[in-house]
Amino acid sequence: MKRNGLTIGSLFGVVSVTTLIAVELLSAVGAFAWALSGLFNLNDVASYVLAAIVGIPSLVLVVKVARLAIESEKAMLLAEDRR
């Protein structure tokens, strides 16, 4: 029996992995931006610009992690179907 989509369990796994990685990555990036703005005594506007500069690429990485998790879950479902 070939499945086209994700099961509820697979979807839960994708959301769990993405949430775990996203929280760790975004908290590390936030701490980095906070430390760097404190080190250089940046004002509020410069701190927000710095946070955007390092935050936007990290959000792109979170999307990449979600895509990889979905591909992994689909590959596992296909492997189960082949057995």
PDB file of N, CA and C in Angstrom:
ATOM      1  N   MET A   1       0.846  -1.176   0.000  1.00  0.00           N
ATOM      2  CA  MET A   1       0.000   0.000   0.000  1.00  0.00           C
ATOM      3  C   MET A   1       0.892   1.240   0.000  1.00  0.00           C
ATOM      4  N   LYS A   2       0.800   2.044  -1.048  1.00  0.00           N
ATOM      5  CA  LYS A   2       1.627   3.240  -1.176  1.00  0.00           C
ATOM      6  C   LYS A   2       0.902   4.438  -0.591  1.00  0.00           C
ATOM      7  N   ARG A   3       1.614   5.170   0.262  1.00  0.00           N
ATOM      8  CA  ARG A   3       1.042   6.369   0.887  1.00  0.00           C
ATOM      9  C   ARG A   3       1.646   7.604   0.229  1.00  0.00           C
ATOM     10  N   ASN A   4       0.818   8.595  -0.011  1.00  0.00           N
ATOM     11  CA  ASN A   4       1.307   9.832  -0.640  1.00  0.00           C
ATOM     12  C   ASN A   4       1.687  10.895   0.387  1.00  0.00           C
ATOM     13  N   GLY A   5       0.978  10.947   1.509  1.00  0.00           N
ATOM     14  CA  GLY A   5       1.209  11.999   2.487  1.00  0.00           C
ATOM     15  C   GLY A   5       1.836  11.470   3.757  1.00  0.00           C
ATOM     16  N   LEU A   6       1.892  12.319   4.738  1.00  0.00           N
ATOM     17  CA  LEU A   6       2.429  11.953   6.036  1.00  0.00           C
ATOM     18  C   LEU A   6       1.312  11.454   6.939  1.00  0.00           C
ATOM     19  N   THR A   7       1.659  10.538   7.810  1.00  0.00           N
ATOM     20  CA  THR A   7       0.693  10.087   8.806  1.00  0.00           C
ATOM     21  C   THR A   7       0.695  11.079   9.965  1.00  0.00           C
ATOM     22  N   ILE A   8      -0.229  10.879  10.880  1.00  0.00           N
ATOM     23  CA  ILE A   8      -0.291  11.765  12.059  1.00  0.00           C
ATOM     24  C   ILE A   8       0.998  11.638  12.878  1.00  0.00           C
ATOM     25  N   GLY A   9       1.487  10.428  13.031  1.00  0.00           N
ATOM     26  CA  GLY A   9       2.735  10.228  13.776  1.00  0.00           C
ATOM     27  C   GLY A   9       3.923  10.884  13.106  1.00  0.00           C
ATOM     28  N   SER A  10       3.981  10.778  11.792  1.00  0.00           N
ATOM     29  CA  SER A  10       5.074  11.408  11.053  1.00  0.00           C
ATOM     30  C   SER A  10       4.999  12.929  11.138  1.00  0.00           C
ATOM     31  N   LEU A  11       3.795  13.429  11.030  1.00  0.00           N
ATOM     32  CA  LEU A  11       3.603  14.873  11.140  1.00  0.00           C
ATOM     33  C   LEU A  11       4.006  15.376  12.522  1.00  0.00           C
ATOM     34  N   PHE A  12       3.666  14.609  13.554  1.00  0.00           N
ATOM     35  CA  PHE A  12       4.071  14.966  14.913  1.00  0.00           C
ATOM     36  C   PHE A  12       5.591  14.978  15.037  1.00  0.00           C
ATOM     37  N   GLY A  13       6.257  14.017  14.398  1.00  0.00           N
ATOM     38  CA  GLY A  13       7.717  13.980  14.414  1.00  0.00           C
ATOM     39  C   GLY A  13       8.334  15.171  13.727  1.00  0.00           C
ATOM     40  N   VAL A  14       7.766  15.549  12.588  1.00  0.00           N
ATOM     41  CA  VAL A  14       8.279  16.707  11.846  1.00  0.00           C
ATOM     42  C   VAL A  14       8.135  17.980  12.676  1.00  0.00           C
ATOM     43  N   VAL A  15       6.968  18.163  13.281  1.00  0.00           N
ATOM     44  CA  VAL A  15       6.738  19.359  14.099  1.00  0.00           C
ATOM     45  C   VAL A  15       7.658  19.363  15.316  1.00  0.00           C
ATOM     46  N   SER A  16       7.853  18.208  15.929  1.00  0.00           N
ATOM     47  CA  SER A  16       8.711  18.127  17.114  1.00  0.00           C
ATOM     48  C   SER A  16      10.158  18.463  16.789  1.00  0.00           C
ATOM     49  N   VAL A  17      10.675  17.870  15.732  1.00  0.00           N
ATOM     50  CA  VAL A  17      12.068  18.126  15.352  1.00  0.00           C
ATOM     51  C   VAL A  17      12.258  19.587  14.954  1.00  0.00           C
ATOM     52  N   THR A  18      11.334  20.108  14.179  1.00  0.00           N
ATOM     53  CA  THR A  18      11.446  21.497  13.741  1.00  0.00           C
ATOM     54  C   THR A  18      11.367  22.460  14.919  1.00  0.00           C
ATOM     55  N   THR A  19      10.475  22.182  15.856  1.00  0.00           N
ATOM     56  CA  THR A  19      10.358  23.046  17.031  1.00  0.00           C
ATOM     57  C   THR A  19      11.617  22.996  17.880  1.00  0.00           C
ATOM     58  N   LEU A  20      12.163  21.805  18.093  1.00  0.00           N
ATOM     59  CA  LEU A  20      13.374  21.662  18.898  1.00  0.00           C
ATOM     60  C   LEU A  20      14.534  22.436  18.282  1.00  0.00           C
ATOM     61  N   ILE A  21      14.775  22.232  17.002  1.00  0.00           N
ATOM     62  CA  ILE A  21      15.886  22.909  16.340  1.00  0.00           C
ATOM     63  C   ILE A  21      15.650  24.412  16.269  1.00  0.00           C
ATOM     64  N   ALA A  22      14.403  24.818  15.998  1.00  0.00           N
ATOM     65  CA  ALA A  22      14.097  26.244  15.888  1.00  0.00           C
ATOM     66  C   ALA A  22      14.320  26.963  17.209  1.00  0.00           C
ATOM     67  N   VAL A  23      13.881  26.375  18.303  1.00  0.00           N
ATOM     68  CA  VAL A  23      14.051  27.020  19.616  1.00  0.00           C
ATOM     69  C   VAL A  23      15.527  27.135  19.963  1.00  0.00           C
ATOM     70  N   GLU A  24      16.289  26.078  19.741  1.00  0.00           N
ATOM     71  CA  GLU A  24      17.716  26.136  20.047  1.00  0.00           C
ATOM     72  C   GLU A  24      18.447  27.148  19.169  1.00  0.00           C
ATOM     73  N   LEU A  25      18.152  27.125  17.883  1.00  0.00           N
ATOM     74  CA  LEU A  25      18.832  28.019  16.957  1.00  0.00           C
ATOM     75  C   LEU A  25      18.470  29.474  17.208  1.00  0.00           C
ATOM     76  N   LEU A  26      17.188  29.757  17.365  1.00  0.00           N
ATOM     77  CA  LEU A  26      16.778  31.147  17.553  1.00  0.00           C
ATOM     78  C   LEU A  26      17.208  31.704  18.911  1.00  0.00           C
ATOM     79  N   SER A  27      17.255  30.862  19.932  1.00  0.00           N
ATOM     80  CA  SER A  27      17.747  31.361  21.219  1.00  0.00           C
ATOM     81  C   SER A  27      19.249  31.630  21.161  1.00  0.00           C
ATOM     82  N   ALA A  28      19.998  30.807  20.442  1.00  0.00           N
ATOM     83  CA  ALA A  28      21.436  31.055  20.293  1.00  0.00           C
ATOM     84  C   ALA A  28      21.690  32.324  19.474  1.00  0.00           C
ATOM     85  N   VAL A  29      20.917  32.514  18.424  1.00  0.00           N
ATOM     86  CA  VAL A  29      21.067  33.718  17.600  1.00  0.00           C
ATOM     87  C   VAL A  29      20.653  34.958  18.389  1.00  0.00           C
ATOM     88  N   GLY A  30      19.591  34.856  19.164  1.00  0.00           N
ATOM     89  CA  GLY A  30      19.177  35.980  20.004  1.00  0.00           C
ATOM     90  C   GLY A  30      20.214  36.335  21.045  1.00  0.00           C
ATOM     91  N   ALA A  31      20.805  35.321  21.670  1.00  0.00           N
ATOM     92  CA  ALA A  31      21.864  35.580  22.657  1.00  0.00           C
ATOM     93  C   ALA A  31      23.089  36.202  21.994  1.00  0.00           C
ATOM     94  N   PHE A  32      23.406  35.739  20.795  1.00  0.00           N
ATOM     95  CA  PHE A  32      24.538  36.309  20.056  1.00  0.00           C
ATOM     96  C   PHE A  32      24.305  37.781  19.744  1.00  0.00           C
ATOM     97  N   ALA A  33      23.114  38.101  19.252  1.00  0.00           N
ATOM     98  CA  ALA A  33      22.802  39.492  18.906  1.00  0.00           C
ATOM     99  C   ALA A  33      22.788  40.368  20.156  1.00  0.00           C
ATOM    100  N   TRP A  34      22.231  39.848  21.234  1.00  0.00           N
ATOM    101  CA  TRP A  34      22.192  40.606  22.490  1.00  0.00           C
ATOM    102  C   TRP A  34      23.606  40.859  23.011  1.00  0.00           C
ATOM    103  N   ALA A  35      24.457  39.829  22.978  1.00  0.00           N
ATOM    104  CA  ALA A  35      25.828  39.981  23.479  1.00  0.00           C
ATOM    105  C   ALA A  35      26.632  40.938  22.607  1.00  0.00           C
ATOM    106  N   LEU A  36      26.460  40.829  21.310  1.00  0.00           N
ATOM    107  CA  LEU A  36      27.211  41.700  20.410  1.00  0.00           C
ATOM    108  C   LEU A  36      26.768  43.155  20.534  1.00  0.00           C
ATOM    109  N   SER A  37      25.464  43.376  20.682  1.00  0.00           N
ATOM    110  CA  SER A  37      24.995  44.755  20.833  1.00  0.00           C
ATOM    111  C   SER A  37      25.418  45.328  22.180  1.00  0.00           C
ATOM    112  N   GLY A  38      25.508  44.506  23.197  1.00  0.00           N
ATOM    113  CA  GLY A  38      26.008  44.982  24.488  1.00  0.00           C
ATOM    114  C   GLY A  38      27.499  45.238  24.462  1.00  0.00           C
ATOM    115  N   LEU A  39      28.232  44.406  23.749  1.00  0.00           N
ATOM    116  CA  LEU A  39      29.682  44.564  23.661  1.00  0.00           C
ATOM    117  C   LEU A  39      30.061  45.861  22.959  1.00  0.00           C
ATOM    118  N   PHE A  40      29.329  46.200  21.914  1.00  0.00           N
ATOM    119  CA  PHE A  40      29.633  47.413  21.163  1.00  0.00           C
ATOM    120  C   PHE A  40      28.784  48.604  21.586  1.00  0.00           C
ATOM    121  N   ASN A  41      28.000  48.467  22.648  1.00  0.00           N
ATOM    122  CA  ASN A  41      27.140  49.535  23.160  1.00  0.00           C
ATOM    123  C   ASN A  41      26.269  50.138  22.060  1.00  0.00           C
ATOM    124  N   LEU A  42      25.579  49.285  21.334  1.00  0.00           N
ATOM    125  CA  LEU A  42      24.725  49.750  20.238  1.00  0.00           C
ATOM    126  C   LEU A  42      23.416  50.304  20.791  1.00  0.00           C
ATOM    127  N   ASN A  43      22.869  51.286  20.105  1.00  0.00           N
ATOM    128  CA  ASN A  43      21.569  51.824  20.510  1.00  0.00           C
ATOM    129  C   ASN A  43      20.468  50.861  20.060  1.00  0.00           C
ATOM    130  N   ASP A  44      19.225  51.201  20.350  1.00  0.00           N
ATOM    131  CA  ASP A  44      18.111  50.288  20.073  1.00  0.00           C
ATOM    132  C   ASP A  44      17.958  49.987  18.587  1.00  0.00           C
ATOM    133  N   VAL A  45      18.038  51.016  17.767  1.00  0.00           N
ATOM    134  CA  VAL A  45      17.845  50.811  16.328  1.00  0.00           C
ATOM    135  C   VAL A  45      18.942  49.907  15.772  1.00  0.00           C
ATOM    136  N   ALA A  46      20.173  50.145  16.147  1.00  0.00           N
ATOM    137  CA  ALA A  46      21.279  49.315  15.664  1.00  0.00           C
ATOM    138  C   ALA A  46      21.150  47.879  16.178  1.00  0.00           C
ATOM    139  N   SER A  47      20.647  47.720  17.395  1.00  0.00           N
ATOM    140  CA  SER A  47      20.440  46.371  17.928  1.00  0.00           C
ATOM    141  C   SER A  47      19.369  45.623  17.140  1.00  0.00           C
ATOM    142  N   TYR A  48      18.305  46.314  16.765  1.00  0.00           N
ATOM    143  CA  TYR A  48      17.255  45.683  15.965  1.00  0.00           C
ATOM    144  C   TYR A  48      17.758  45.331  14.563  1.00  0.00           C
ATOM    145  N   VAL A  49      18.578  46.202  13.994  1.00  0.00           N
ATOM    146  CA  VAL A  49      19.151  45.917  12.678  1.00  0.00           C
ATOM    147  C   VAL A  49      20.068  44.700  12.766  1.00  0.00           C
ATOM    148  N   LEU A  50      20.884  44.633  13.800  1.00  0.00           N
ATOM    149  CA  LEU A  50      21.760  43.488  13.993  1.00  0.00           C
ATOM    150  C   LEU A  50      20.947  42.209  14.184  1.00  0.00           C
ATOM    151  N   ALA A  51      19.885  42.290  14.957  1.00  0.00           N
ATOM    152  CA  ALA A  51      19.030  41.121  15.169  1.00  0.00           C
ATOM    153  C   ALA A  51      18.397  40.662  13.861  1.00  0.00           C
ATOM    154  N   ALA A  52      18.012  41.597  13.009  1.00  0.00           N
ATOM    155  CA  ALA A  52      17.435  41.232  11.711  1.00  0.00           C
ATOM    156  C   ALA A  52      18.496  40.620  10.799  1.00  0.00           C
ATOM    157  N   ILE A  53      19.706  41.158  10.846  1.00  0.00           N
ATOM    158  CA  ILE A  53      20.772  40.648   9.987  1.00  0.00           C
ATOM    159  C   ILE A  53      21.108  39.200  10.333  1.00  0.00           C
ATOM    160  N   VAL A  54      21.163  38.867  11.608  1.00  0.00           N
ATOM    161  CA  VAL A  54      21.480  37.484  11.989  1.00  0.00           C
ATOM    162  C   VAL A  54      20.230  36.619  12.135  1.00  0.00           C
ATOM    163  N   GLY A  55      19.069  37.241  12.275  1.00  0.00           N
ATOM    164  CA  GLY A  55      17.840  36.472  12.483  1.00  0.00           C
ATOM    165  C   GLY A  55      17.222  35.935  11.215  1.00  0.00           C
ATOM    166  N   ILE A  56      17.271  36.697  10.149  1.00  0.00           N
ATOM    167  CA  ILE A  56      16.640  36.271   8.900  1.00  0.00           C
ATOM    168  C   ILE A  56      17.324  35.024   8.316  1.00  0.00           C
ATOM    169  N   PRO A  57      18.645  34.962   8.256  1.00  0.00           N
ATOM    170  CA  PRO A  57      19.257  33.707   7.779  1.00  0.00           C
ATOM    171  C   PRO A  57      18.959  32.511   8.687  1.00  0.00           C
ATOM    172  N   SER A  58      18.801  32.748   9.975  1.00  0.00           N
ATOM    173  CA  SER A  58      18.484  31.628  10.865  1.00  0.00           C
ATOM    174  C   SER A  58      17.064  31.125  10.629  1.00  0.00           C
ATOM    175  N   LEU A  59      16.147  31.998  10.263  1.00  0.00           N
ATOM    176  CA  LEU A  59      14.801  31.556   9.908  1.00  0.00           C
ATOM    177  C   LEU A  59      14.821  30.733   8.621  1.00  0.00           C
ATOM    178  N   VAL A  60      15.687  31.105   7.694  1.00  0.00           N
ATOM    179  CA  VAL A  60      15.842  30.309   6.474  1.00  0.00           C
ATOM    180  C   VAL A  60      16.355  28.908   6.829  1.00  0.00           C
ATOM    181  N   LEU A  61      17.266  28.832   7.786  1.00  0.00           N
ATOM    182  CA  LEU A  61      17.759  27.528   8.230  1.00  0.00           C
ATOM    183  C   LEU A  61      16.669  26.700   8.897  1.00  0.00           C
ATOM    184  N   VAL A  62      15.781  27.330   9.622  1.00  0.00           N
ATOM    185  CA  VAL A  62      14.664  26.607  10.243  1.00  0.00           C
ATOM    186  C   VAL A  62      13.754  26.019   9.170  1.00  0.00           C
ATOM    187  N   VAL A  63      13.504  26.771   8.108  1.00  0.00           N
ATOM    188  CA  VAL A  63      12.695  26.251   7.003  1.00  0.00           C
ATOM    189  C   VAL A  63      13.406  25.073   6.347  1.00  0.00           C
ATOM    190  N   LYS A  64      14.713  25.159   6.191  1.00  0.00           N
ATOM    191  CA  LYS A  64      15.484  24.054   5.613  1.00  0.00           C
ATOM    192  C   LYS A  64      15.399  22.816   6.498  1.00  0.00           C
ATOM    193  N   VAL A  65      15.472  22.988   7.799  1.00  0.00           N
ATOM    194  CA  VAL A  65      15.346  21.856   8.724  1.00  0.00           C
ATOM    195  C   VAL A  65      13.965  21.219   8.602  1.00  0.00           C
ATOM    196  N   ALA A  66      12.935  22.028   8.479  1.00  0.00           N
ATOM    197  CA  ALA A  66      11.579  21.489   8.325  1.00  0.00           C
ATOM    198  C   ALA A  66      11.466  20.687   7.036  1.00  0.00           C
ATOM    199  N   ARG A  67      12.031  21.198   5.955  1.00  0.00           N
ATOM    200  CA  ARG A  67      11.985  20.468   4.685  1.00  0.00           C
ATOM    201  C   ARG A  67      12.739  19.151   4.782  1.00  0.00           C
ATOM    202  N   LEU A  68      13.906  19.168   5.428  1.00  0.00           N
ATOM    203  CA  LEU A  68      14.674  17.934   5.591  1.00  0.00           C
ATOM    204  C   LEU A  68      13.932  16.923   6.458  1.00  0.00           C
ATOM    205  N   ALA A  69      13.244  17.397   7.480  1.00  0.00           N
ATOM    206  CA  ALA A  69      12.475  16.497   8.337  1.00  0.00           C
ATOM    207  C   ALA A  69      11.322  15.866   7.564  1.00  0.00           C
ATOM    208  N   ILE A  70      10.664  16.640   6.727  1.00  0.00           N
ATOM    209  CA  ILE A  70       9.568  16.105   5.912  1.00  0.00           C
ATOM    210  C   ILE A  70      10.098  15.063   4.936  1.00  0.00           C
ATOM    211  N   GLU A  71      11.216  15.361   4.275  1.00  0.00           N
ATOM    212  CA  GLU A  71      11.804  14.394   3.346  1.00  0.00           C
ATOM    213  C   GLU A  71      12.202  13.113   4.065  1.00  0.00           C
ATOM    214  N   SER A  72      12.742  13.248   5.258  1.00  0.00           N
ATOM    215  CA  SER A  72      13.148  12.077   6.027  1.00  0.00           C
ATOM    216  C   SER A  72      11.950  11.217   6.406  1.00  0.00           C
ATOM    217  N   GLU A  73      10.885  11.849   6.847  1.00  0.00           N
ATOM    218  CA  GLU A  73       9.692  11.091   7.225  1.00  0.00           C
ATOM    219  C   GLU A  73       9.066  10.413   6.006  1.00  0.00           C
ATOM    220  N   LYS A  74       9.060  11.086   4.869  1.00  0.00           N
ATOM    221  CA  LYS A  74       8.519  10.470   3.658  1.00  0.00           C
ATOM    222  C   LYS A  74       9.373   9.281   3.228  1.00  0.00           C
ATOM    223  N   ALA A  75      10.695   9.408   3.348  1.00  0.00           N
ATOM    224  CA  ALA A  75      11.587   8.302   2.991  1.00  0.00           C
ATOM    225  C   ALA A  75      11.361   7.107   3.919  1.00  0.00           C
ATOM    226  N   MET A  76      11.120   7.373   5.200  1.00  0.00           N
ATOM    227  CA  MET A  76      10.861   6.268   6.133  1.00  0.00           C
ATOM    228  C   MET A  76       9.536   5.590   5.803  1.00  0.00           C
ATOM    229  N   LEU A  77       8.522   6.358   5.402  1.00  0.00           N
ATOM    230  CA  LEU A  77       7.247   5.763   5.029  1.00  0.00           C
ATOM    231  C   LEU A  77       7.395   4.908   3.773  1.00  0.00           C
ATOM    232  N   LEU A  78       8.194   5.376   2.811  1.00  0.00           N
ATOM    233  CA  LEU A  78       8.415   4.592   1.605  1.00  0.00           C
ATOM    234  C   LEU A  78       9.175   3.303   1.920  1.00  0.00           C
ATOM    235  N   ALA A  79      10.135   3.383   2.839  1.00  0.00           N
ATOM    236  CA  ALA A  79      10.885   2.189   3.227  1.00  0.00           C
ATOM    237  C   ALA A  79       9.960   1.183   3.919  1.00  0.00           C
ATOM    238  N   GLU A  80       9.023   1.668   4.723  1.00  0.00           N
ATOM    239  CA  GLU A  80       8.069   0.766   5.373  1.00  0.00           C
ATOM    240  C   GLU A  80       7.159   0.107   4.350  1.00  0.00           C
ATOM    241  N   ASP A  81       6.779   0.843   3.319  1.00  0.00           N
ATOM    242  CA  ASP A  81       5.889   0.292   2.292  1.00  0.00           C
ATOM    243  C   ASP A  81       6.596  -0.792   1.479  1.00  0.00           C
ATOM    244  N   ARG A  82       7.897  -0.673   1.302  1.00  0.00           N
ATOM    245  CA  ARG A  82       8.640  -1.647   0.516  1.00  0.00           C
ATOM    246  C   ARG A  82       8.801  -2.971   1.248  1.00  0.00           C
ATOM    247  N   ARG A  83       8.714  -2.952   2.582  1.00  0.00           N
ATOM    248  CA  ARG A  83       8.867  -4.200   3.350  1.00  0.00           C
ATOM    249  C   ARG A  83       7.700  -5.045   3.208  1.00  0.00           C
TER     250      ARG A  83
END
